[in-house]
Amino acid sequence: VQLVESGGGTVQAGGSLRLSCAASASIGDFNLMAWYRQIPGKQRELVATIFSGGTTTYPDSVEGRFTASRDNAKNTIYLQMDNLKPEDTAVYYCLGAFLGVNVWGRGTQVTVSS
């Protein structure tokens, strides 16, 4: 199974972006899917989790600004990011977890200018 992220780019502070993560197989096979981000030199940070039943959770740093969703028919998950801040600048990765096996995408760069 492969995961491919898209939708990154450069946006001004206060702007919005929507990231997509397309899977090469059914996303229904994953127990959960998630979005992470990473700044060079720092650990990867969880920004959204989507459970198989559709429940989503977010850390305080993005709660109210980021919204994760899934389209099972398209085998794709999304991350809608609003009111972006310069500190949201990072490479964003998609994760799919299945029976203890983690599958990562290659990431997409998001840059927020002040």
Protein backbone atom coordinates (compact mmCIF):
# COMPACT_ATOMS: atom_id res chain seq x y z
CA VAL A 1 0.00 0.00 0.00
CA GLN A 2 1.26 3.48 -0.87
CA LEU A 3 0.15 6.85 0.44
CA VAL A 4 0.73 9.99 -1.64
CA GLU A 5 0.25 13.47 -0.22
CA SER A 6 -0.53 16.55 -2.28
CA GLY A 7 -1.80 20.09 -1.85
CA GLY A 8 1.14 21.70 -0.09
CA GLY A 9 2.46 25.09 -1.06
CA THR A 10 3.18 28.59 0.15
CA VAL A 11 0.48 30.75 1.71
CA GLN A 12 0.36 33.94 3.72
CA ALA A 13 -0.49 33.90 7.40
CA GLY A 14 -4.24 33.70 7.87
CA GLY A 15 -4.69 31.77 4.66
CA SER A 16 -5.89 28.23 4.02
CA LEU A 17 -4.68 25.06 2.35
CA ARG A 18 -6.21 21.64 1.88
CA LEU A 19 -3.93 18.63 1.85
CA SER A 20 -4.90 15.30 0.32
CA CYS A 21 -3.55 11.82 0.96
CA ALA A 22 -4.46 9.24 -1.64
CA ALA A 23 -4.06 5.54 -0.85
CA SER A 24 -3.35 2.84 -3.42
CA ALA A 25 -5.72 0.50 -1.55
CA SER A 26 -8.89 0.81 0.51
CA ILE A 27 -8.46 3.18 3.44
CA GLY A 28 -11.08 1.08 5.19
CA ASP A 29 -8.32 -1.46 5.79
CA PHE A 30 -6.52 0.94 8.11
CA ASN A 31 -7.41 0.96 11.80
CA LEU A 32 -6.64 4.63 11.81
CA MET A 33 -5.11 7.30 9.65
CA ALA A 34 -3.36 10.43 10.74
CA TRP A 35 -1.56 13.58 9.69
CA TYR A 36 1.83 14.48 11.12
CA ARG A 37 4.21 17.35 10.47
CA GLN A 38 7.93 17.75 10.90
CA ILE A 39 10.30 20.69 11.05
CA PRO A 40 13.96 19.95 10.26
CA GLY A 41 15.79 18.96 13.41
CA LYS A 42 12.62 18.26 15.37
CA GLN A 43 10.50 15.18 16.02
CA ARG A 44 7.47 14.45 13.92
CA GLU A 45 4.35 15.99 15.53
CA LEU A 46 0.82 14.56 15.35
CA VAL A 47 -1.71 17.10 14.04
CA ALA A 48 -4.81 15.01 13.37
CA THR A 49 -6.08 11.45 13.82
CA ILE A 50 -8.99 9.91 11.92
CA PHE A 51 -10.28 6.65 13.35
CA SER A 52 -11.99 4.04 11.20
CA GLY A 53 -15.41 5.06 12.58
CA GLY A 54 -14.83 8.66 11.51
CA THR A 55 -13.94 10.18 14.87
CA THR A 56 -11.23 12.82 14.65
CA THR A 57 -8.92 14.21 17.32
CA TYR A 58 -6.50 17.12 17.32
CA PRO A 59 -3.82 18.56 19.58
CA ASP A 60 -4.42 21.97 21.14
CA SER A 61 -1.97 23.58 18.74
CA VAL A 62 -4.32 23.09 15.75
CA GLU A 63 -7.73 22.53 17.40
CA GLY A 64 -10.32 24.79 15.76
CA ARG A 65 -8.07 25.57 12.76
CA PHE A 66 -7.45 22.14 11.20
CA THR A 67 -10.13 19.68 10.10
CA ALA A 68 -9.42 16.14 8.98
CA SER A 69 -11.86 14.16 6.88
CA ARG A 70 -12.02 11.04 4.77
CA ASP A 71 -13.66 9.95 1.52
CA ASN A 72 -13.79 6.16 1.52
CA ALA A 73 -15.04 6.06 -2.08
CA LYS A 74 -11.91 7.90 -3.23
CA ASN A 75 -9.57 6.17 -0.76
CA THR A 76 -8.41 9.61 0.26
CA ILE A 77 -8.13 11.58 3.47
CA TYR A 78 -7.89 15.34 3.71
CA LEU A 79 -6.57 17.99 6.03
CA GLN A 80 -8.25 21.37 5.76
CA MET A 81 -5.99 23.97 7.35
CA ASP A 82 -7.43 27.41 8.06
CA ASN A 83 -6.04 30.53 9.74
CA LEU A 84 -2.53 29.26 9.07
CA LYS A 85 0.34 30.62 11.13
CA PRO A 86 4.08 30.82 10.33
CA GLU A 87 4.67 28.15 12.99
CA ASP A 88 2.59 25.73 10.90
CA THR A 89 5.43 25.68 8.36
CA ALA A 90 6.60 22.06 8.05
CA VAL A 91 6.56 18.97 5.89
CA TYR A 92 3.20 17.26 6.36
CA TYR A 93 2.97 13.47 6.27
CA CYS A 94 0.09 11.05 6.02
CA LEU A 95 0.09 7.85 8.08
CA GLY A 96 -2.00 4.69 7.79
CA ALA A 97 -1.87 2.11 10.61
CA PHE A 98 -2.94 -1.48 10.09
CA LEU A 99 -2.41 -4.28 12.63
CA GLY A 100 0.70 -2.65 14.04
CA VAL A 101 2.17 -1.79 10.64
CA ASN A 102 2.62 1.90 9.86
CA VAL A 103 2.62 3.15 6.28
CA TRP A 104 3.92 6.68 5.65
CA GLY A 105 3.62 8.96 2.67
CA ARG A 106 6.61 10.96 1.41
CA GLY A 107 5.29 14.28 2.63
CA THR A 108 4.27 17.63 1.20
CA GLN A 109 5.82 20.97 2.13
CA VAL A 110 3.66 23.69 3.66
CA THR A 111 5.19 27.14 4.05
CA VAL A 112 3.35 29.98 5.78
CA SER A 113 4.82 33.44 5.32
CA SER A 114 4.27 36.25 7.81
